[in-house]
PDB file of N, CA and C in Angstrom:
ATOM      1  N   MET A   1       1.719 -24.382 -16.485  1.00  0.00           N
ATOM      2  CA  MET A   1       3.194 -24.462 -15.952  1.00  0.00           C
ATOM      3  C   MET A   1       3.126 -24.196 -14.348  1.00  0.00           C
ATOM      4  N   ALA A   2       3.627 -25.134 -13.562  1.00  0.00           N
ATOM      5  CA  ALA A   2       3.774 -24.962 -12.293  1.00  0.00           C
ATOM      6  C   ALA A   2       4.732 -24.389 -11.435  1.00  0.00           C
ATOM      7  N   THR A   3       4.654 -23.545 -10.365  1.00  0.00           N
ATOM      8  CA  THR A   3       5.683 -22.788  -9.692  1.00  0.00           C
ATOM      9  C   THR A   3       6.123 -23.572  -8.568  1.00  0.00           C
ATOM     10  N   ARG A   4       7.053 -23.224  -7.870  1.00  0.00           N
ATOM     11  CA  ARG A   4       7.171 -23.526  -6.451  1.00  0.00           C
ATOM     12  C   ARG A   4       6.282 -23.147  -5.333  1.00  0.00           C
ATOM     13  N   PHE A   5       5.499 -22.137  -6.041  1.00  0.00           N
ATOM     14  CA  PHE A   5       4.809 -21.398  -4.932  1.00  0.00           C
ATOM     15  C   PHE A   5       3.078 -22.266  -4.831  1.00  0.00           C
ATOM     16  N   ASP A   6       2.779 -22.852  -6.118  1.00  0.00           N
ATOM     17  CA  ASP A   6       1.886 -23.656  -6.140  1.00  0.00           C
ATOM     18  C   ASP A   6       1.423 -24.382  -4.929  1.00  0.00           C
ATOM     19  N   ASN A   7       2.359 -25.337  -4.581  1.00  0.00           N
ATOM     20  CA  ASN A   7       1.859 -26.038  -3.375  1.00  0.00           C
ATOM     21  C   ASN A   7       2.410 -25.746  -2.110  1.00  0.00           C
ATOM     22  N   ALA A   8       2.943 -24.366  -1.917  1.00  0.00           N
ATOM     23  CA  ALA A   8       3.201 -23.589  -0.763  1.00  0.00           C
ATOM     24  C   ALA A   8       2.220 -23.384   0.159  1.00  0.00           C
ATOM     25  N   ASP A   9       2.635 -24.104   1.600  1.00  0.00           N
ATOM     26  CA  ASP A   9       1.615 -23.585   2.457  1.00  0.00           C
ATOM     27  C   ASP A   9       1.340 -21.994   2.924  1.00  0.00           C
ATOM     28  N   PRO A  10       0.303 -21.379   2.491  1.00  0.00           N
ATOM     29  CA  PRO A  10       0.077 -19.866   2.735  1.00  0.00           C
ATOM     30  C   PRO A  10       0.877 -19.620   3.983  1.00  0.00           C
ATOM     31  N   SER A  11       0.641 -20.494   5.124  1.00  0.00           N
ATOM     32  CA  SER A  11       1.419 -19.743   6.122  1.00  0.00           C
ATOM     33  C   SER A  11       2.738 -19.449   6.341  1.00  0.00           C
ATOM     34  N   GLU A  12       3.525 -19.981   5.304  1.00  0.00           N
ATOM     35  CA  GLU A  12       4.950 -20.051   4.791  1.00  0.00           C
ATOM     36  C   GLU A  12       5.147 -18.986   4.512  1.00  0.00           C
ATOM     37  N   TRP A  13       4.241 -17.987   3.726  1.00  0.00           N
ATOM     38  CA  TRP A  13       4.493 -16.659   3.097  1.00  0.00           C
ATOM     39  C   TRP A  13       3.558 -15.710   3.958  1.00  0.00           C
ATOM     40  N   SER A  14       3.444 -15.762   5.128  1.00  0.00           N
ATOM     41  CA  SER A  14       2.978 -14.711   5.633  1.00  0.00           C
ATOM     42  C   SER A  14       3.864 -13.757   6.061  1.00  0.00           C
ATOM     43  N   ALA A  15       3.617 -12.377   6.498  1.00  0.00           N
ATOM     44  CA  ALA A  15       4.436 -11.420   6.895  1.00  0.00           C
ATOM     45  C   ALA A  15       5.424 -11.675   7.797  1.00  0.00           C
ATOM     46  N   ALA A  16       5.139 -12.601   8.754  1.00  0.00           N
ATOM     47  CA  ALA A  16       5.878 -12.929   9.939  1.00  0.00           C
ATOM     48  C   ALA A  16       7.017 -14.037   9.526  1.00  0.00           C
ATOM     49  N   ALA A  17       6.316 -14.906   8.669  1.00  0.00           N
ATOM     50  CA  ALA A  17       6.865 -15.743   8.492  1.00  0.00           C
ATOM     51  C   ALA A  17       8.142 -15.551   7.420  1.00  0.00           C
ATOM     52  N   VAL A  18       7.770 -14.731   6.515  1.00  0.00           N
ATOM     53  CA  VAL A  18       8.940 -13.933   5.670  1.00  0.00           C
ATOM     54  C   VAL A  18      10.139 -13.254   6.232  1.00  0.00           C
ATOM     55  N   ALA A  19       9.305 -12.594   7.615  1.00  0.00           N
ATOM     56  CA  ALA A  19      10.283 -11.869   8.298  1.00  0.00           C
ATOM     57  C   ALA A  19      11.408 -12.739   8.735  1.00  0.00           C
ATOM     58  N   HIS A  20      11.030 -13.559   9.447  1.00  0.00           N
ATOM     59  CA  HIS A  20      11.755 -14.579  10.240  1.00  0.00           C
ATOM     60  C   HIS A  20      12.530 -15.652   8.887  1.00  0.00           C
ATOM     61  N   ASN A  21      12.287 -16.235   8.072  1.00  0.00           N
ATOM     62  CA  ASN A  21      12.682 -17.238   7.407  1.00  0.00           C
ATOM     63  C   ASN A  21      13.541 -16.453   5.904  1.00  0.00           C
ATOM     64  N   HIS A  22      12.918 -15.206   5.305  1.00  0.00           N
ATOM     65  CA  HIS A  22      13.635 -14.544   4.581  1.00  0.00           C
ATOM     66  C   HIS A  22      14.091 -13.133   4.548  1.00  0.00           C
ATOM     67  N   SER A  23      14.900 -13.052   5.581  1.00  0.00           N
ATOM     68  CA  SER A  23      14.784 -11.647   5.941  1.00  0.00           C
ATOM     69  C   SER A  23      15.939 -10.769   4.830  1.00  0.00           C
ATOM     70  N   GLN A  24      16.033 -11.167   4.083  1.00  0.00           N
ATOM     71  CA  GLN A  24      16.659 -10.456   3.182  1.00  0.00           C
ATOM     72  C   GLN A  24      15.258  -9.788   2.182  1.00  0.00           C
ATOM     73  N   LEU A  25      14.726 -10.792   1.963  1.00  0.00           N
ATOM     74  CA  LEU A  25      13.457 -10.448   1.093  1.00  0.00           C
ATOM     75  C   LEU A  25      12.331  -9.601   1.758  1.00  0.00           C
ATOM     76  N   TYR A  26      12.561  -9.720   3.023  1.00  0.00           N
ATOM     77  CA  TYR A  26      12.007  -8.785   3.807  1.00  0.00           C
ATOM     78  C   TYR A  26      12.053  -7.442   4.043  1.00  0.00           C
ATOM     79  N   ALA A  27      13.435  -7.170   3.761  1.00  0.00           N
ATOM     80  CA  ALA A  27      14.208  -5.996   3.956  1.00  0.00           C
ATOM     81  C   ALA A  27      14.013  -5.299   2.944  1.00  0.00           C
ATOM     82  N   ASP A  28      14.207  -6.023   1.668  1.00  0.00           N
ATOM     83  CA  ASP A  28      13.768  -5.393   0.388  1.00  0.00           C
ATOM     84  C   ASP A  28      12.553  -4.960   0.134  1.00  0.00           C
ATOM     85  N   VAL A  29      11.233  -5.748   0.590  1.00  0.00           N
ATOM     86  CA  VAL A  29      10.154  -5.033   0.474  1.00  0.00           C
ATOM     87  C   VAL A  29       9.838  -4.173   1.246  1.00  0.00           C
ATOM     88  N   GLN A  30      10.216  -4.148   2.705  1.00  0.00           N
ATOM     89  CA  GLN A  30      10.468  -2.648   3.544  1.00  0.00           C
ATOM     90  C   GLN A  30      10.821  -1.710   2.976  1.00  0.00           C
ATOM     91  N   ASP A  31      12.331  -1.666   2.308  1.00  0.00           N
ATOM     92  CA  ASP A  31      12.576  -0.603   1.560  1.00  0.00           C
ATOM     93  C   ASP A  31      11.711  -0.054   0.823  1.00  0.00           C
ATOM     94  N   HIS A  32      11.079  -0.853  -0.477  1.00  0.00           N
ATOM     95  CA  HIS A  32      10.343  -0.557  -1.455  1.00  0.00           C
ATOM     96  C   HIS A  32       9.277   0.400  -0.851  1.00  0.00           C
ATOM     97  N   PHE A  33       8.635  -0.187   0.489  1.00  0.00           N
ATOM     98  CA  PHE A  33       7.098   0.604   0.686  1.00  0.00           C
ATOM     99  C   PHE A  33       7.679   1.911   1.380  1.00  0.00           C
ATOM    100  N   ASP A  34       8.724   1.897   2.195  1.00  0.00           N
ATOM    101  CA  ASP A  34       9.400   2.977   2.693  1.00  0.00           C
ATOM    102  C   ASP A  34       9.946   4.185   1.424  1.00  0.00           C
ATOM    103  N   ASN A  35      10.152   3.770   0.602  1.00  0.00           N
ATOM    104  CA  ASN A  35      10.536   4.865  -0.372  1.00  0.00           C
ATOM    105  C   ASN A  35       9.291   5.144  -1.073  1.00  0.00           C
ATOM    106  N   LEU A  36       8.166   4.773  -1.034  1.00  0.00           N
ATOM    107  CA  LEU A  36       6.882   5.212  -2.027  1.00  0.00           C
ATOM    108  C   LEU A  36       6.738   6.292  -1.006  1.00  0.00           C
ATOM    109  N   ASP A  37       6.299   7.301  -2.249  1.00  0.00           N
ATOM    110  CA  ASP A  37       5.756   8.825  -1.758  1.00  0.00           C
ATOM    111  C   ASP A  37       4.341   8.798  -1.975  1.00  0.00           C
ATOM    112  N   LEU A  38       3.289   8.618  -1.064  1.00  0.00           N
ATOM    113  CA  LEU A  38       2.096   8.504  -0.829  1.00  0.00           C
ATOM    114  C   LEU A  38       1.508   9.674  -1.610  1.00  0.00           C
ATOM    115  N   ASP A  39       1.936  10.652  -1.074  1.00  0.00           N
ATOM    116  CA  ASP A  39       1.244  11.992  -1.549  1.00  0.00           C
ATOM    117  C   ASP A  39       1.503  12.108  -3.088  1.00  0.00           C
ATOM    118  N   ALA A  40       2.485  11.756  -3.644  1.00  0.00           N
ATOM    119  CA  ALA A  40       2.514  11.813  -5.251  1.00  0.00           C
ATOM    120  C   ALA A  40       1.887  11.006  -5.967  1.00  0.00           C
ATOM    121  N   LEU A  41       1.838   9.698  -5.204  1.00  0.00           N
ATOM    122  CA  LEU A  41       1.067   9.072  -5.871  1.00  0.00           C
ATOM    123  C   LEU A  41      -0.445   8.931  -5.894  1.00  0.00           C
ATOM    124  N   THR A  42      -0.880   9.776  -4.791  1.00  0.00           N
ATOM    125  CA  THR A  42      -2.355   9.875  -4.842  1.00  0.00           C
ATOM    126  C   THR A  42      -2.434  11.103  -5.805  1.00  0.00           C
ATOM    127  N   ASN A  43      -1.539  11.987  -5.840  1.00  0.00           N
ATOM    128  CA  ASN A  43      -1.808  13.319  -6.737  1.00  0.00           C
ATOM    129  C   ASN A  43      -1.764  12.626  -7.867  1.00  0.00           C
ATOM    130  N   THR A  44      -1.149  12.165  -8.502  1.00  0.00           N
ATOM    131  CA  THR A  44      -1.020  11.093  -9.774  1.00  0.00           C
ATOM    132  C   THR A  44      -2.003  10.691 -10.171  1.00  0.00           C
ATOM    133  N   VAL A  45      -2.740   9.774  -9.081  1.00  0.00           N
ATOM    134  CA  VAL A  45      -4.156   8.888  -9.633  1.00  0.00           C
ATOM    135  C   VAL A  45      -5.343  10.026  -9.404  1.00  0.00           C
ATOM    136  N   LEU A  46      -5.093  11.052  -8.590  1.00  0.00           N
ATOM    137  CA  LEU A  46      -6.471  11.426  -8.904  1.00  0.00           C
ATOM    138  C   LEU A  46      -6.197  12.649 -10.178  1.00  0.00           C
ATOM    139  N   ASN A  47      -5.095  13.356 -10.378  1.00  0.00           N
ATOM    140  CA  ASN A  47      -4.811  13.730 -11.732  1.00  0.00           C
ATOM    141  C   ASN A  47      -5.245  13.205 -13.203  1.00  0.00           C
ATOM    142  N   ASP A  48      -4.808  11.942 -12.812  1.00  0.00           N
ATOM    143  CA  ASP A  48      -5.040  11.036 -14.036  1.00  0.00           C
ATOM    144  C   ASP A  48      -6.806  10.358 -14.300  1.00  0.00           C
ATOM    145  N   THR A  49      -7.223  11.147 -13.421  1.00  0.00           N
ATOM    146  CA  THR A  49      -9.006  10.092 -13.118  1.00  0.00           C
ATOM    147  C   THR A  49      -9.930  11.389 -13.557  1.00  0.00           C
ATOM    148  N   ALA A  50     -10.718  10.895 -14.451  1.00  0.00           N
ATOM    149  CA  ALA A  50     -11.645  11.585 -14.898  1.00  0.00           C
ATOM    150  C   ALA A  50     -12.577  12.376 -13.780  1.00  0.00           C
ATOM    151  N   PRO A  51     -12.717  13.838 -14.181  1.00  0.00           N
ATOM    152  CA  PRO A  51     -13.316  14.325 -13.184  1.00  0.00           C
ATOM    153  C   PRO A  51     -14.990  13.295 -12.915  1.00  0.00           C
ATOM    154  N   ALA A  52     -15.421  12.961 -13.563  1.00  0.00           N
ATOM    155  CA  ALA A  52     -17.081  12.432 -13.187  1.00  0.00           C
ATOM    156  C   ALA A  52     -16.622  11.054 -12.455  1.00  0.00           C
ATOM    157  N   ASP A  53     -15.544  10.303 -12.247  1.00  0.00           N
ATOM    158  CA  ASP A  53     -15.202   9.308 -11.469  1.00  0.00           C
ATOM    159  C   ASP A  53     -14.121   9.667 -10.449  1.00  0.00           C
ATOM    160  N   ARG A  54     -14.009  11.045 -10.057  1.00  0.00           N
ATOM    161  CA  ARG A  54     -12.913  11.158  -8.847  1.00  0.00           C
ATOM    162  C   ARG A  54     -13.710  10.608  -7.521  1.00  0.00           C
ATOM    163  N   LEU A  55     -15.000  11.255  -7.495  1.00  0.00           N
ATOM    164  CA  LEU A  55     -15.726  10.973  -6.339  1.00  0.00           C
ATOM    165  C   LEU A  55     -15.061   9.028  -6.001  1.00  0.00           C
ATOM    166  N   THR A  56     -15.321   8.374  -7.094  1.00  0.00           N
ATOM    167  CA  THR A  56     -15.369   6.971  -6.888  1.00  0.00           C
ATOM    168  C   THR A  56     -13.866   6.557  -6.409  1.00  0.00           C
ATOM    169  N   VAL A  57     -12.959   7.077  -6.610  1.00  0.00           N
ATOM    170  CA  VAL A  57     -11.359   6.652  -6.447  1.00  0.00           C
ATOM    171  C   VAL A  57     -11.274   7.454  -5.267  1.00  0.00           C
ATOM    172  N   ILE A  58     -11.474   8.688  -4.907  1.00  0.00           N
ATOM    173  CA  ILE A  58     -11.451   9.036  -3.485  1.00  0.00           C
ATOM    174  C   ILE A  58     -11.491   8.230  -2.497  1.00  0.00           C
ATOM    175  N   ARG A  59     -13.106   7.597  -2.843  1.00  0.00           N
ATOM    176  CA  ARG A  59     -13.612   6.229  -1.642  1.00  0.00           C
ATOM    177  C   ARG A  59     -12.693   5.460  -1.695  1.00  0.00           C
ATOM    178  N   ALA A  60     -12.322   4.580  -3.056  1.00  0.00           N
ATOM    179  CA  ALA A  60     -11.405   3.682  -2.963  1.00  0.00           C
ATOM    180  C   ALA A  60     -10.055   3.925  -2.029  1.00  0.00           C
ATOM    181  N   ILE A  61      -9.507   5.078  -2.435  1.00  0.00           N
ATOM    182  CA  ILE A  61      -8.367   5.362  -1.823  1.00  0.00           C
ATOM    183  C   ILE A  61      -8.759   5.367   0.091  1.00  0.00           C
ATOM    184  N   ASP A  62      -9.725   6.060   0.228  1.00  0.00           N
ATOM    185  CA  ASP A  62     -10.302   6.402   1.713  1.00  0.00           C
ATOM    186  C   ASP A  62     -10.133   4.525   2.449  1.00  0.00           C
ATOM    187  N   ASP A  63     -10.742   3.766   1.397  1.00  0.00           N
ATOM    188  CA  ASP A  63     -11.289   2.421   1.924  1.00  0.00           C
ATOM    189  C   ASP A  63      -9.885   1.535   2.099  1.00  0.00           C
ATOM    190  N   MET A  64      -9.113   1.764   1.082  1.00  0.00           N
ATOM    191  CA  MET A  64      -7.588   1.171   1.225  1.00  0.00           C
ATOM    192  C   MET A  64      -6.559   1.896   2.503  1.00  0.00           C
ATOM    193  N   PHE A  65      -6.720   3.187   2.902  1.00  0.00           N
ATOM    194  CA  PHE A  65      -5.741   3.837   3.795  1.00  0.00           C
ATOM    195  C   PHE A  65      -6.585   4.234   5.024  1.00  0.00           C
ATOM    196  N   GLY A  66      -8.019   4.224   5.082  1.00  0.00           N
ATOM    197  CA  GLY A  66      -8.787   5.155   6.161  1.00  0.00           C
ATOM    198  C   GLY A  66      -8.156   6.293   5.976  1.00  0.00           C
ATOM    199  N   HIS A  67      -8.710   7.020   7.336  1.00  0.00           N
ATOM    200  CA  HIS A  67      -8.421   8.585   7.263  1.00  0.00           C
ATOM    201  C   HIS A  67      -7.304   8.865   7.653  1.00  0.00           C
ATOM    202  N   ILE A  68      -6.391   9.603   6.624  1.00  0.00           N
ATOM    203  CA  ILE A  68      -5.156   9.853   6.953  1.00  0.00           C
ATOM    204  C   ILE A  68      -4.806  11.674   6.827  1.00  0.00           C
ATOM    205  N   PRO A  69      -4.971  12.335   8.357  1.00  0.00           N
ATOM    206  CA  PRO A  69      -4.938  13.972   7.876  1.00  0.00           C
ATOM    207  C   PRO A  69      -3.512  14.195   7.406  1.00  0.00           C
ATOM    208  N   HIS A  70      -4.038  15.191   6.885  1.00  0.00           N
ATOM    209  CA  HIS A  70      -2.436  16.061   6.590  1.00  0.00           C
ATOM    210  C   HIS A  70      -1.453  16.032   6.989  1.00  0.00           C
ATOM    211  N   TRP A  71      -0.414  16.122   6.634  1.00  0.00           N
ATOM    212  CA  TRP A  71       1.066  16.398   7.471  1.00  0.00           C
ATOM    213  C   TRP A  71       1.034  17.468   8.314  1.00  0.00           C
ATOM    214  N   ASP A  72       0.633  18.647   8.330  1.00  0.00           N
ATOM    215  CA  ASP A  72       0.215  19.626   8.844  1.00  0.00           C
ATOM    216  C   ASP A  72      -0.939  20.252   9.666  1.00  0.00           C
ATOM    217  N   ALA A  73      -1.805  19.356   9.886  1.00  0.00           N
ATOM    218  CA  ALA A  73      -3.264  19.353  10.057  1.00  0.00           C
ATOM    219  C   ALA A  73      -3.095  19.664  11.686  1.00  0.00           C
ATOM    220  N   GLN A  74      -4.184  20.680  12.289  1.00  0.00           N
ATOM    221  CA  GLN A  74      -3.774  20.580  13.616  1.00  0.00           C
ATOM    222  C   GLN A  74      -4.959  20.036  14.317  1.00  0.00           C
ATOM    223  N   ASP A  75      -4.608  19.560  15.634  1.00  0.00           N
ATOM    224  CA  ASP A  75      -5.836  18.750  16.272  1.00  0.00           C
ATOM    225  C   ASP A  75      -7.101  19.445  15.873  1.00  0.00           C
ATOM    226  N   GLY A  76      -8.247  18.272  15.329  1.00  0.00           N
ATOM    227  CA  GLY A  76      -9.618  18.694  15.204  1.00  0.00           C
ATOM    228  C   GLY A  76      -9.621  19.069  13.475  1.00  0.00           C
ATOM    229  N   GLU A  77      -8.622  19.415  13.071  1.00  0.00           N
ATOM    230  CA  GLU A  77      -8.955  19.688  11.342  1.00  0.00           C
ATOM    231  C   GLU A  77      -9.006  18.443  10.564  1.00  0.00           C
ATOM    232  N   LEU A  78      -9.900  18.553   9.212  1.00  0.00           N
ATOM    233  CA  LEU A  78      -9.659  17.268   8.674  1.00  0.00           C
ATOM    234  C   LEU A  78     -10.467  16.137   9.470  1.00  0.00           C
TER     235      LEU A  78
END
């Protein structure tokens, strides 16, 4: 079953193109991501991970987000 996106030009759906051409869609997506609680999400993922797999999951999270210091870390900590 074909959809209207099957033959779409990929550049039409870049972040910049969506922001320019589909402002309400862009605002909705932005609101969604602004409302994510990454601390809660991370805690849920780690708590639901078997201890034997936790290091692999931590590395995957680090690959996605990079080094993000804790909100109250002082200079040089973490």
